[in-house]
C-alpha atoms as a PDB file:
ATOM      1  CA  MET A   1      14.700   2.937 -14.384  1.00  0.00           C
ATOM      2  CA  LEU A   2      13.850   6.101 -16.263  1.00  0.00           C
ATOM      3  CA  ALA A   3      17.166   6.680 -17.970  1.00  0.00           C
ATOM      4  CA  LEU A   4      16.952   6.841 -21.736  1.00  0.00           C
ATOM      5  CA  ALA A   5      19.317   4.902 -23.942  1.00  0.00           C
ATOM      6  CA  ALA A   6      22.474   6.797 -24.672  1.00  0.00           C
ATOM      7  CA  GLY A   7      21.942   6.264 -28.392  1.00  0.00           C
ATOM      8  CA  ALA A   8      18.676   8.160 -28.200  1.00  0.00           C
ATOM      9  CA  ALA A   9      20.627  11.296 -27.528  1.00  0.00           C
ATOM     10  CA  VAL A  10      21.971  11.173 -31.075  1.00  0.00           C
ATOM     11  CA  VAL A  11      18.988  12.207 -33.161  1.00  0.00           C
ATOM     12  CA  LEU A  12      18.771  13.497 -36.713  1.00  0.00           C
ATOM     13  CA  LEU A  13      15.981  15.360 -38.480  1.00  0.00           C
ATOM     14  CA  GLU A  14      14.681  14.229 -41.846  1.00  0.00           C
ATOM     15  CA  ASP A  15      15.509  17.561 -43.399  1.00  0.00           C
ATOM     16  CA  GLY A  16      18.658  18.097 -41.349  1.00  0.00           C
ATOM     17  CA  GLY A  17      21.388  20.299 -42.674  1.00  0.00           C
ATOM     18  CA  ASP A  18      20.208  23.862 -42.246  1.00  0.00           C
ATOM     19  CA  ASP A  19      20.664  25.889 -39.090  1.00  0.00           C
ATOM     20  CA  GLU A  20      17.060  25.475 -37.921  1.00  0.00           C
ATOM     21  CA  ALA A  21      17.160  21.702 -38.260  1.00  0.00           C
ATOM     22  CA  GLN A  22      20.503  21.601 -36.482  1.00  0.00           C
ATOM     23  CA  ALA A  23      19.112  23.703 -33.643  1.00  0.00           C
ATOM     24  CA  ARG A  24      16.110  21.406 -33.277  1.00  0.00           C
ATOM     25  CA  ARG A  25      18.342  18.365 -33.355  1.00  0.00           C
ATOM     26  CA  ASP A  26      20.587  19.835 -30.705  1.00  0.00           C
ATOM     27  CA  ALA A  27      17.613  20.796 -28.534  1.00  0.00           C
ATOM     28  CA  VAL A  28      16.186  17.266 -28.552  1.00  0.00           C
ATOM     29  CA  ALA A  29      19.599  15.746 -27.909  1.00  0.00           C
ATOM     30  CA  ALA A  30      20.219  18.182 -25.055  1.00  0.00           C
ATOM     31  CA  TYR A  31      16.826  17.386 -23.529  1.00  0.00           C
ATOM     32  CA  ILE A  32      17.491  13.637 -23.538  1.00  0.00           C
ATOM     33  CA  VAL A  33      20.926  14.154 -22.052  1.00  0.00           C
ATOM     34  CA  GLU A  34      19.421  16.314 -19.294  1.00  0.00           C
ATOM     35  CA  VAL A  35      16.787  13.651 -18.577  1.00  0.00           C
ATOM     36  CA  ASN A  36      19.479  11.020 -18.297  1.00  0.00           C
ATOM     37  CA  GLN A  37      21.644  13.194 -16.065  1.00  0.00           C
ATOM     38  CA  THR A  38      18.698  14.116 -13.855  1.00  0.00           C
ATOM     39  CA  GLN A  39      17.723  10.497 -13.377  1.00  0.00           C
ATOM     40  CA  GLN A  40      21.283   9.288 -12.949  1.00  0.00           C
ATOM     41  CA  THR A  41      21.795  11.628  -9.997  1.00  0.00           C
ATOM     42  CA  LEU A  42      18.994   9.796  -8.210  1.00  0.00           C
ATOM     43  CA  ILE A  43      19.838   6.206  -9.137  1.00  0.00           C
ATOM     44  CA  VAL A  44      21.793   5.701  -5.934  1.00  0.00           C
ATOM     45  CA  GLU A  45      18.877   7.032  -3.880  1.00  0.00           C
ATOM     46  CA  LEU A  46      16.356   4.855  -5.740  1.00  0.00           C
ATOM     47  CA  GLU A  47      18.486   1.779  -5.065  1.00  0.00           C
ATOM     48  CA  LYS A  48      18.546   2.681  -1.373  1.00  0.00           C
ATOM     49  CA  ILE A  49      14.754   2.897  -1.516  1.00  0.00           C
ATOM     50  CA  ASN A  50      14.444  -0.544  -3.075  1.00  0.00           C
ATOM     51  CA  ARG A  51      16.776  -2.010  -0.473  1.00  0.00           C
ATOM     52  CA  ALA A  52      14.835  -0.320   2.333  1.00  0.00           C
ATOM     53  CA  TYR A  53      11.593  -1.933   1.178  1.00  0.00           C
ATOM     54  CA  ARG A  54      13.219  -5.354   0.890  1.00  0.00           C
ATOM     55  CA  GLU A  55      14.593  -5.116   4.424  1.00  0.00           C
ATOM     56  CA  LEU A  56      11.414  -3.898   6.110  1.00  0.00           C
ATOM     57  CA  ASP A  57      10.021  -6.172   8.825  1.00  0.00           C
ATOM     58  CA  LEU A  58       6.269  -5.629   8.806  1.00  0.00           C
ATOM     59  CA  LYS A  59       5.654  -7.987  11.733  1.00  0.00           C
ATOM     60  CA  GLY A  60       6.717  -5.439  14.311  1.00  0.00           C
ATOM     61  CA  ASP A  61       6.461  -1.695  14.682  1.00  0.00           C
ATOM     62  CA  PRO A  62       8.674   0.100  12.170  1.00  0.00           C
ATOM     63  CA  THR A  63      11.631   1.876  13.705  1.00  0.00           C
ATOM     64  CA  PRO A  64      12.106   5.641  13.219  1.00  0.00           C
ATOM     65  CA  ALA A  65      14.950   4.825  10.816  1.00  0.00           C
ATOM     66  CA  GLU A  66      12.698   2.545   8.759  1.00  0.00           C
ATOM     67  CA  LEU A  67       9.953   5.154   8.615  1.00  0.00           C
ATOM     68  CA  GLU A  68      12.494   7.742   7.521  1.00  0.00           C
ATOM     69  CA  GLN A  69      13.602   5.451   4.708  1.00  0.00           C
ATOM     70  CA  VAL A  70      10.009   4.963   3.598  1.00  0.00           C
ATOM     71  CA  ASP A  71       9.244   8.684   3.727  1.00  0.00           C
ATOM     72  CA  HIS A  72      12.423   9.279   1.758  1.00  0.00           C
ATOM     73  CA  VAL A  73      10.838   7.398  -1.139  1.00  0.00           C
ATOM     74  CA  GLU A  74       8.150   9.986  -1.682  1.00  0.00           C
ATOM     75  CA  ARG A  75      10.552  12.892  -1.228  1.00  0.00           C
ATOM     76  CA  THR A  76      12.920  11.401  -3.788  1.00  0.00           C
ATOM     77  CA  LEU A  77      10.193  10.884  -6.357  1.00  0.00           C
ATOM     78  CA  LYS A  78       8.856  14.393  -5.785  1.00  0.00           C
ATOM     79  CA  GLN A  79      12.356  15.706  -6.298  1.00  0.00           C
ATOM     80  CA  LEU A  80      12.669  13.707  -9.494  1.00  0.00           C
ATOM     81  CA  ARG A  81       9.398  15.079 -10.837  1.00  0.00           C
ATOM     82  CA  SER A  82      10.365  18.622  -9.910  1.00  0.00           C
ATOM     83  CA  ARG A  83      13.625  18.278 -11.826  1.00  0.00           C
ATOM     84  CA  PHE A  84      11.860  16.870 -14.870  1.00  0.00           C
ATOM     85  CA  THR A  85       9.286  19.670 -14.770  1.00  0.00           C
ATOM     86  CA  ALA A  86      12.025  22.277 -14.727  1.00  0.00           C
ATOM     87  CA  LEU A  87      13.618  20.970 -17.921  1.00  0.00           C
ATOM     88  CA  GLU A  88      13.274  22.941 -21.135  1.00  0.00           C
ATOM     89  CA  VAL A  89      11.330  20.657 -23.457  1.00  0.00           C
ATOM     90  CA  PRO A  90      11.618  20.967 -27.251  1.00  0.00           C
ATOM     91  CA  VAL A  91       8.437  20.476 -29.296  1.00  0.00           C
ATOM     92  CA  GLU A  92       9.568  17.095 -30.612  1.00  0.00           C
ATOM     93  CA  ALA A  93      10.045  15.732 -27.075  1.00  0.00           C
ATOM     94  CA  ARG A  94       6.806  16.956 -25.502  1.00  0.00           C
ATOM     95  CA  LYS A  95       5.064  13.589 -25.719  1.00  0.00           C
ATOM     96  CA  LEU A  96       8.083  11.835 -24.233  1.00  0.00           C
ATOM     97  CA  HIS A  97       8.164  14.409 -21.458  1.00  0.00           C
ATOM     98  CA  LEU A  98       4.502  13.808 -20.613  1.00  0.00           C
ATOM     99  CA  GLU A  99       5.048  10.048 -20.598  1.00  0.00           C
ATOM    100  CA  LEU A 100       7.976  10.464 -18.205  1.00  0.00           C
ATOM    101  CA  LEU A 101       5.986  12.666 -15.843  1.00  0.00           C
ATOM    102  CA  HIS A 102       3.118  10.193 -15.873  1.00  0.00           C
ATOM    103  CA  LEU A 103       5.489   7.376 -14.980  1.00  0.00           C
ATOM    104  CA  VAL A 104       6.905   9.336 -12.054  1.00  0.00           C
ATOM    105  CA  ASP A 105       3.369  10.177 -10.882  1.00  0.00           C
ATOM    106  CA  LEU A 106       2.375   6.497 -10.942  1.00  0.00           C
ATOM    107  CA  GLN A 107       5.479   5.555  -8.982  1.00  0.00           C
ATOM    108  CA  ALA A 108       4.888   8.342  -6.459  1.00  0.00           C
ATOM    109  CA  ALA A 109       1.286   7.222  -5.879  1.00  0.00           C
ATOM    110  CA  PHE A 110       2.460   3.660  -5.388  1.00  0.00           C
ATOM    111  CA  ALA A 111       5.172   4.778  -2.959  1.00  0.00           C
ATOM    112  CA  HIS A 112       2.576   6.747  -0.997  1.00  0.00           C
ATOM    113  CA  GLU A 113       0.425   3.638  -0.626  1.00  0.00           C
ATOM    114  CA  LEU A 114       3.408   1.527   0.410  1.00  0.00           C
ATOM    115  CA  SER A 115       4.209   4.110   3.064  1.00  0.00           C
ATOM    116  CA  ALA A 116       0.684   3.762   4.450  1.00  0.00           C
ATOM    117  CA  ILE A 117       0.945  -0.046   4.360  1.00  0.00           C
ATOM    118  CA  VAL A 118       4.184   0.048   6.347  1.00  0.00           C
ATOM    119  CA  ARG A 119       2.438   2.109   9.020  1.00  0.00           C
ATOM    120  CA  TYR A 120      -0.814   0.164   9.168  1.00  0.00           C
ATOM    121  CA  LEU A 121       0.262  -3.502   9.035  1.00  0.00           C
ATOM    122  CA  PRO A 122       2.078  -3.415  12.416  1.00  0.00           C
ATOM    123  CA  ILE A 123      -1.033  -1.885  14.010  1.00  0.00           C
ATOM    124  CA  GLN A 124      -3.204  -4.610  12.522  1.00  0.00           C
ATOM    125  CA  ALA A 125      -0.774  -7.343  13.600  1.00  0.00           C
ATOM    126  CA  ARG A 126      -0.564  -5.970  17.148  1.00  0.00           C
ATOM    127  CA  GLU A 127      -4.360  -5.882  17.525  1.00  0.00           C
ATOM    128  CA  HIS A 128      -4.685  -9.390  16.093  1.00  0.00           C
ATOM    129  CA  ARG A 129      -2.197 -10.636  18.686  1.00  0.00           C
ATOM    130  CA  LYS A 130      -4.270  -9.060  21.456  1.00  0.00           C
ATOM    131  CA  LEU A 131      -7.368 -10.693  20.022  1.00  0.00           C
ATOM    132  CA  ALA A 132      -5.645 -14.087  19.905  1.00  0.00           C
ATOM    133  CA  ALA A 133      -4.562 -13.758  23.544  1.00  0.00           C
ATOM    134  CA  ALA A 134      -8.080 -12.743  24.593  1.00  0.00           C
ATOM    135  CA  THR A 135      -9.580 -15.675  22.689  1.00  0.00           C
ATOM    136  CA  SER A 136      -7.201 -18.106  24.390  1.00  0.00           C
ATOM    137  CA  LYS A 137      -8.088 -16.670  27.797  1.00  0.00           C
ATOM    138  CA  LEU A 138     -11.815 -16.951  27.049  1.00  0.00           C
ATOM    139  CA  ARG A 139     -11.353 -20.566  25.989  1.00  0.00           C
ATOM    140  CA  ASP A 140      -9.737 -21.303  29.372  1.00  0.00           C
ATOM    141  CA  ALA A 141     -12.704 -19.693  31.132  1.00  0.00           C
ATOM    142  CA  LEU A 142     -15.200 -21.879  29.295  1.00  0.00           C
ATOM    143  CA  VAL A 143     -13.898 -25.294  30.322  1.00  0.00           C
ATOM    144  CA  LYS A 144     -16.608 -27.763  31.405  1.00  0.00           C
ATOM    145  CA  LYS A 145     -15.803 -27.514  35.098  1.00  0.00           C
ATOM    146  CA  ALA A 146     -15.900 -23.686  35.103  1.00  0.00           C
ATOM    147  CA  SER A 147     -18.655 -22.085  37.136  1.00  0.00           C
ATOM    148  CA  VAL A 148     -21.291 -19.873  35.567  1.00  0.00           C
ATOM    149  CA  ALA A 149     -19.691 -16.872  37.264  1.00  0.00           C
ATOM    150  CA  THR A 150     -16.315 -17.746  35.714  1.00  0.00           C
ATOM    151  CA  GLN A 151     -17.835 -18.126  32.266  1.00  0.00           C
ATOM    152  CA  ARG A 152     -19.723 -14.830  32.559  1.00  0.00           C
ATOM    153  CA  ALA A 153     -16.553 -13.056  33.688  1.00  0.00           C
ATOM    154  CA  GLY A 154     -14.701 -14.615  30.764  1.00  0.00           C
ATOM    155  CA  PHE A 155     -17.180 -13.237  28.225  1.00  0.00           C
ATOM    156  CA  GLU A 156     -17.212  -9.823  29.877  1.00  0.00           C
ATOM    157  CA  GLU A 157     -13.415  -9.580  29.866  1.00  0.00           C
ATOM    158  CA  TYR A 158     -13.339 -10.761  26.256  1.00  0.00           C
ATOM    159  CA  ARG A 159     -15.869  -8.104  25.316  1.00  0.00           C
ATOM    160  CA  THR A 160     -13.828  -5.389  27.020  1.00  0.00           C
ATOM    161  CA  THR A 161     -10.728  -6.420  25.062  1.00  0.00           C
ATOM    162  CA  LEU A 162     -12.643  -6.501  21.778  1.00  0.00           C
ATOM    163  CA  ARG A 163     -14.125  -3.056  22.311  1.00  0.00           C
ATOM    164  CA  ALA A 164     -10.642  -1.621  22.919  1.00  0.00           C
ATOM    165  CA  VAL A 165      -9.319  -3.311  19.769  1.00  0.00           C
ATOM    166  CA  VAL A 166     -12.227  -1.923  17.739  1.00  0.00           C
ATOM    167  CA  VAL A 167     -11.562   1.612  18.989  1.00  0.00           C
ATOM    168  CA  ARG A 168      -7.902   1.406  18.015  1.00  0.00           C
ATOM    169  CA  LEU A 169      -8.744   0.025  14.568  1.00  0.00           C
ATOM    170  CA  GLU A 170     -11.344   2.743  14.065  1.00  0.00           C
ATOM    171  CA  HIS A 171      -8.694   5.396  14.720  1.00  0.00           C
ATOM    172  CA  ALA A 172      -6.093   3.730  12.505  1.00  0.00           C
ATOM    173  CA  GLU A 173      -5.633   4.878   8.920  1.00  0.00           C
ATOM    174  CA  ALA A 174      -5.394   2.052   6.405  1.00  0.00           C
ATOM    175  CA  PRO A 175      -4.344   2.434   2.758  1.00  0.00           C
ATOM    176  CA  PRO A 176      -7.036   1.660   0.145  1.00  0.00           C
ATOM    177  CA  VAL A 177      -5.732  -1.855  -0.427  1.00  0.00           C
ATOM    178  CA  LEU A 178      -6.139  -2.699   3.290  1.00  0.00           C
ATOM    179  CA  GLU A 179      -9.239  -0.653   4.060  1.00  0.00           C
ATOM    180  CA  PRO A 180     -11.638  -3.580   3.351  1.00  0.00           C
ATOM    181  CA  THR A 181      -9.674  -5.687   5.849  1.00  0.00           C
ATOM    182  CA  ARG A 182      -9.834  -2.941   8.489  1.00  0.00           C
ATOM    183  CA  THR A 183     -13.566  -2.376   8.119  1.00  0.00           C
ATOM    184  CA  GLY A 184     -14.154  -6.128   7.981  1.00  0.00           C
ATOM    185  CA  ASP A 185     -12.225  -6.621  11.228  1.00  0.00           C
ATOM    186  CA  ILE A 186     -14.184  -3.832  12.900  1.00  0.00           C
ATOM    187  CA  ALA A 187     -17.537  -5.275  11.821  1.00  0.00           C
ATOM    188  CA  ARG A 188     -16.647  -8.817  12.917  1.00  0.00           C
ATOM    189  CA  LEU A 189     -15.206  -7.772  16.273  1.00  0.00           C
ATOM    190  CA  THR A 190     -18.157  -5.480  16.961  1.00  0.00           C
ATOM    191  CA  ARG A 191     -20.489  -8.414  16.312  1.00  0.00           C
ATOM    192  CA  LEU A 192     -18.426 -10.692  18.571  1.00  0.00           C
ATOM    193  CA  SER A 193     -18.476  -8.054  21.303  1.00  0.00           C
ATOM    194  CA  SER A 194     -22.258  -7.888  21.092  1.00  0.00           C
ATOM    195  CA  LEU A 195     -22.577 -11.666  21.188  1.00  0.00           C
ATOM    196  CA  ALA A 196     -20.242 -11.866  24.188  1.00  0.00           C
ATOM    197  CA  LYS A 197     -22.478  -9.463  26.088  1.00  0.00           C
ATOM    198  CA  GLU A 198     -25.620 -11.399  25.139  1.00  0.00           C
ATOM    199  CA  LEU A 199     -23.998 -14.683  26.212  1.00  0.00           C
ATOM    200  CA  ALA A 200     -22.950 -13.223  29.543  1.00  0.00           C
ATOM    201  CA  ASP A 201     -26.509 -12.031  30.128  1.00  0.00           C
ATOM    202  CA  ALA A 202     -28.009 -15.364  29.047  1.00  0.00           C
ATOM    203  CA  LEU A 203     -25.641 -17.228  31.383  1.00  0.00           C
ATOM    204  CA  GLY A 204     -26.692 -15.018  34.258  1.00  0.00           C
ATOM    205  CA  LYS A 205     -30.348 -15.772  33.562  1.00  0.00           C
ATOM    206  CA  GLN A 206     -29.647 -19.468  32.922  1.00  0.00           C
ATOM    207  CA  GLN A 207     -31.437 -19.372  29.538  1.00  0.00           C
ATOM    208  CA  ALA A 208     -30.250 -22.683  28.096  1.00  0.00           C
ATOM    209  CA  ALA A 209     -31.914 -22.336  24.676  1.00  0.00           C
ATOM    210  CA  GLU A 210     -30.612 -18.785  24.271  1.00  0.00           C
ATOM    211  CA  ILE A 211     -27.113 -19.814  25.336  1.00  0.00           C
ATOM    212  CA  ASP A 212     -27.124 -22.596  22.750  1.00  0.00           C
ATOM    213  CA  ARG A 213     -28.324 -20.268  19.966  1.00  0.00           C
ATOM    214  CA  LEU A 214     -25.886 -17.516  20.803  1.00  0.00           C
ATOM    215  CA  SER A 215     -22.994 -19.957  21.176  1.00  0.00           C
ATOM    216  CA  ARG A 216     -23.504 -21.227  17.631  1.00  0.00           C
ATOM    217  CA  GLN A 217     -23.508 -17.670  16.305  1.00  0.00           C
ATOM    218  CA  PHE A 218     -20.426 -16.839  18.362  1.00  0.00           C
ATOM    219  CA  VAL A 219     -18.458 -19.812  17.029  1.00  0.00           C
ATOM    220  CA  GLN A 220     -19.515 -19.078  13.464  1.00  0.00           C
ATOM    221  CA  THR A 221     -18.583 -15.390  13.704  1.00  0.00           C
ATOM    222  CA  SER A 222     -15.264 -15.948  15.465  1.00  0.00           C
ATOM    223  CA  GLY A 223     -14.301 -18.557  12.885  1.00  0.00           C
ATOM    224  CA  THR A 224     -15.021 -16.358   9.886  1.00  0.00           C
ATOM    225  CA  THR A 225     -11.928 -16.232   7.668  1.00  0.00           C
ATOM    226  CA  GLY A 226     -11.039 -15.735   4.037  1.00  0.00           C
ATOM    227  CA  ALA A 227     -11.002 -12.730   1.763  1.00  0.00           C
ATOM    228  CA  THR A 228     -14.233 -10.862   1.255  1.00  0.00           C
ATOM    229  CA  PRO A 229     -15.183  -9.631  -2.243  1.00  0.00           C
ATOM    230  CA  ALA A 230     -14.086  -6.135  -1.178  1.00  0.00           C
ATOM    231  CA  GLU A 231     -10.679  -7.432  -0.102  1.00  0.00           C
ATOM    232  CA  ARG A 232     -10.242  -9.352  -3.336  1.00  0.00           C
ATOM    233  CA  ASN A 233     -11.189  -6.251  -5.334  1.00  0.00           C
ATOM    234  CA  ALA A 234      -8.661  -4.180  -3.373  1.00  0.00           C
ATOM    235  CA  VAL A 235      -5.895  -6.673  -4.132  1.00  0.00           C
ATOM    236  CA  ILE A 236      -6.870  -6.665  -7.804  1.00  0.00           C
ATOM    237  CA  ALA A 237      -6.715  -2.850  -7.834  1.00  0.00           C
ATOM    238  CA  TYR A 238      -3.301  -2.951  -6.147  1.00  0.00           C
ATOM    239  CA  ASN A 239      -1.983  -5.373  -8.767  1.00  0.00           C
ATOM    240  CA  ARG A 240      -3.396  -3.159 -11.488  1.00  0.00           C
ATOM    241  CA  ARG A 241      -1.383  -0.233 -10.152  1.00  0.00           C
ATOM    242  CA  LEU A 242       1.740  -2.338 -10.363  1.00  0.00           C
ATOM    243  CA  ALA A 243       0.842  -3.380 -13.897  1.00  0.00           C
ATOM    244  CA  ALA A 244       0.159   0.244 -14.842  1.00  0.00           C
ATOM    245  CA  ILE A 245       3.686   1.206 -13.788  1.00  0.00           C
ATOM    246  CA  GLY A 246       5.147  -1.553 -15.939  1.00  0.00           C
ATOM    247  CA  LYS A 247       2.930  -0.555 -18.855  1.00  0.00           C
ATOM    248  CA  GLN A 248       3.950   3.073 -18.524  1.00  0.00           C
ATOM    249  CA  ARG A 249       7.624   2.133 -18.542  1.00  0.00           C
ATOM    250  CA  LEU A 250       6.988   0.415 -21.866  1.00  0.00           C
ATOM    251  CA  ALA A 251       5.184   3.528 -23.118  1.00  0.00           C
ATOM    252  CA  VAL A 252       8.190   5.685 -22.235  1.00  0.00           C
ATOM    253  CA  ASN A 253      10.522   3.349 -24.092  1.00  0.00           C
ATOM    254  CA  ALA A 254       8.189   3.181 -27.088  1.00  0.00           C
ATOM    255  CA  GLU A 255       7.977   6.966 -27.337  1.00  0.00           C
ATOM    256  CA  ARG A 256      11.733   7.269 -26.970  1.00  0.00           C
ATOM    257  CA  ASN A 257      12.218   4.817 -29.822  1.00  0.00           C
ATOM    258  CA  ARG A 258       9.586   6.574 -31.942  1.00  0.00           C
ATOM    259  CA  LEU A 259      11.305   9.901 -31.397  1.00  0.00           C
ATOM    260  CA  ASP A 260      14.655   8.381 -32.231  1.00  0.00           C
ATOM    261  CA  LEU A 261      13.382   6.929 -35.523  1.00  0.00           C
ATOM    262  CA  LYS A 262      11.466  10.034 -36.489  1.00  0.00           C
ATOM    263  CA  LEU A 263      14.392  12.359 -36.043  1.00  0.00           C
ATOM    264  CA  ARG A 264      17.059  10.260 -37.718  1.00  0.00           C
END
């Protein structure tokens, strides 16, 4: 929450007593009150945002209502920043004002990324389900009693499915934290598609040694799992953004307290 402590609105200047000091004291107090009022008007909306995120089901496609809730996050934060920017800021509160704006900017950037995650994860999950179904179908086509023609057809159908999945992933927009996963999926599936074609050709030509070599590569590639260095770095960066928001909240509180002590 951005609201400042109510006590911070009661500030005194070291040389208080004359009209100028009183005016400065009143200006700072008025600013803090306005900040609190501005933020309080949006507390209900921010709580709705938090609840919307908690209730999101990222396994399926988001509903229009869910997407509207997510988009509402960014609009709310933009509104909050606009209201803060419009406030008249006394000299003594300028640093606090900048800290507040920075906090809102960090939260807005994070909300923007969450919005992209909500849109991309269902796409990724849907394509992974198609891949799993295609893999199961290929496995059925490769049973020991299957004819060469059946096995070739299995690899060709598998390749067709993979190429379609790759195209859809290439046209999907992933947030920075998921971009390494998207590009990794595309690279792996493109390689599997190529191997499937080579295996189908080798089966047609009855090249036993080539089939054995390509099969080992196919199994190794299809079984590749685990986070790549790029994915791990993206997760680290994501966690850093979360930490930066927490750190900035502390900075806002520290500046508020400093201002309070200075002007008593």
